[in-house]
Amino acid sequence: MALLSGGVMLFVPELPSFFFQTSFFLLFTTVITYIYLQRTANPEDFVRLYLGMIALKLIVCLGYAALMATRDPAAVKGNILYFLVVYVVLTGVEVGFLYRNRNR
């Protein structure tokens, strides 16, 4: 996570005020989603659960982004930019691991 955060900081000009909270929140949601989906045995259930988890994750992340925007309106640009970049990267990593594990 430290390597990811350091790489993202190349694109974000300043340290976001919600840096640690966002890093922990996104890592936590990604790990929970991955673990939950790894425990599904049936491929039909996997697809249905994956789509449901992504929808739930998007709603929760939207709420978190709204919380960030209302708590620190002056730094909203840096916070949201950091959030989006880390979200996309972690989602890509999650999909890669799930794809690799499901195709064995």
Protein backbone atom coordinates (compact mmCIF):
# COMPACT_ATOMS: atom_id res chain seq x y z
CA MET A 1 0.00 0.00 0.00
CA ALA A 2 2.91 2.32 0.75
CA LEU A 3 4.31 1.79 -2.76
CA LEU A 4 0.89 2.51 -4.29
CA SER A 5 0.46 5.65 -2.19
CA GLY A 6 3.94 6.83 -3.10
CA GLY A 7 3.28 6.27 -6.80
CA VAL A 8 -0.01 8.12 -6.64
CA MET A 9 1.67 11.05 -4.95
CA LEU A 10 3.55 11.65 -8.22
CA PHE A 11 0.22 12.72 -9.74
CA VAL A 12 -1.30 14.47 -6.73
CA PRO A 13 0.51 17.75 -6.05
CA GLU A 14 0.03 17.83 -2.28
CA LEU A 15 -0.69 15.38 0.51
CA PRO A 16 -4.49 15.05 0.78
CA SER A 17 -5.99 15.80 4.18
CA PHE A 18 -7.73 12.39 4.15
CA PHE A 19 -4.62 10.51 3.00
CA PHE A 20 -4.46 7.85 5.73
CA GLN A 21 -8.22 7.49 6.10
CA THR A 22 -8.68 7.03 2.35
CA SER A 23 -5.79 4.56 2.09
CA PHE A 24 -7.15 2.46 4.94
CA PHE A 25 -10.76 2.67 3.75
CA LEU A 26 -9.99 1.58 0.19
CA LEU A 27 -7.63 -1.18 1.25
CA PHE A 28 -10.22 -2.45 3.74
CA THR A 29 -13.08 -2.49 1.20
CA THR A 30 -10.92 -4.19 -1.42
CA VAL A 31 -9.72 -6.90 0.95
CA ILE A 32 -13.24 -7.56 2.26
CA THR A 33 -14.60 -7.81 -1.29
CA TYR A 34 -11.80 -10.13 -2.37
CA ILE A 35 -12.12 -12.45 0.63
CA TYR A 36 -15.91 -12.62 0.33
CA LEU A 37 -15.77 -13.43 -3.38
CA GLN A 38 -13.02 -16.03 -2.95
CA ARG A 39 -15.34 -18.08 -0.74
CA THR A 40 -17.99 -18.53 -3.44
CA ALA A 41 -17.82 -21.95 -5.05
CA ASN A 42 -20.46 -21.76 -7.76
CA PRO A 43 -19.55 -19.71 -10.89
CA GLU A 44 -23.14 -18.49 -11.32
CA ASP A 45 -23.13 -17.23 -7.74
CA PHE A 46 -19.76 -15.60 -8.27
CA VAL A 47 -20.96 -13.38 -11.11
CA ARG A 48 -24.10 -12.35 -9.25
CA LEU A 49 -22.21 -11.68 -6.02
CA TYR A 50 -19.41 -9.80 -7.80
CA LEU A 51 -21.86 -7.42 -9.47
CA GLY A 52 -23.69 -6.93 -6.19
CA MET A 53 -20.45 -6.28 -4.28
CA ILE A 54 -19.29 -3.76 -6.89
CA ALA A 55 -22.62 -1.93 -6.69
CA LEU A 56 -22.48 -1.90 -2.87
CA LYS A 57 -18.84 -0.79 -2.94
CA LEU A 58 -19.68 2.09 -5.30
CA ILE A 59 -22.50 3.29 -3.06
CA VAL A 60 -20.31 3.12 0.06
CA CYS A 61 -17.45 4.88 -1.73
CA LEU A 62 -19.79 7.60 -2.96
CA GLY A 63 -20.86 8.19 0.63
CA TYR A 64 -17.23 8.35 1.73
CA ALA A 65 -16.41 10.83 -1.07
CA ALA A 66 -19.36 12.99 -0.01
CA LEU A 67 -18.11 12.87 3.58
CA MET A 68 -14.66 14.00 2.46
CA ALA A 69 -16.13 16.84 0.42
CA THR A 70 -18.25 18.14 3.29
CA ARG A 71 -15.57 17.79 5.98
CA ASP A 72 -12.80 19.60 4.09
CA PRO A 73 -14.20 21.66 1.19
CA ALA A 74 -10.92 23.54 0.68
CA ALA A 75 -8.96 20.37 -0.14
CA VAL A 76 -11.70 18.47 -1.98
CA LYS A 77 -9.82 18.37 -5.30
CA GLY A 78 -6.73 16.63 -3.91
CA ASN A 79 -8.76 14.28 -1.73
CA ILE A 80 -11.07 13.15 -4.53
CA LEU A 81 -8.23 12.85 -7.03
CA TYR A 82 -6.25 10.65 -4.65
CA PHE A 83 -9.38 8.62 -3.86
CA LEU A 84 -10.20 7.99 -7.52
CA VAL A 85 -6.68 7.01 -8.54
CA VAL A 86 -6.27 4.58 -5.64
CA TYR A 87 -9.79 3.19 -6.17
CA VAL A 88 -9.11 2.43 -9.84
CA VAL A 89 -5.71 0.86 -9.12
CA LEU A 90 -7.00 -1.33 -6.27
CA THR A 91 -10.04 -2.39 -8.30
CA GLY A 92 -7.71 -3.41 -11.13
CA VAL A 93 -5.56 -5.42 -8.71
CA GLU A 94 -8.66 -7.05 -7.24
CA VAL A 95 -9.99 -8.03 -10.68
CA GLY A 96 -6.58 -9.38 -11.67
CA PHE A 97 -6.33 -11.59 -8.58
CA LEU A 98 -9.92 -12.80 -8.92
CA TYR A 99 -9.41 -13.58 -12.61
CA ARG A 100 -6.21 -15.49 -11.93
CA ASN A 101 -7.74 -17.50 -9.08
CA ARG A 102 -10.97 -18.30 -10.94
CA ASN A 103 -9.20 -19.54 -14.08
CA ARG A 104 -7.09 -22.18 -12.33
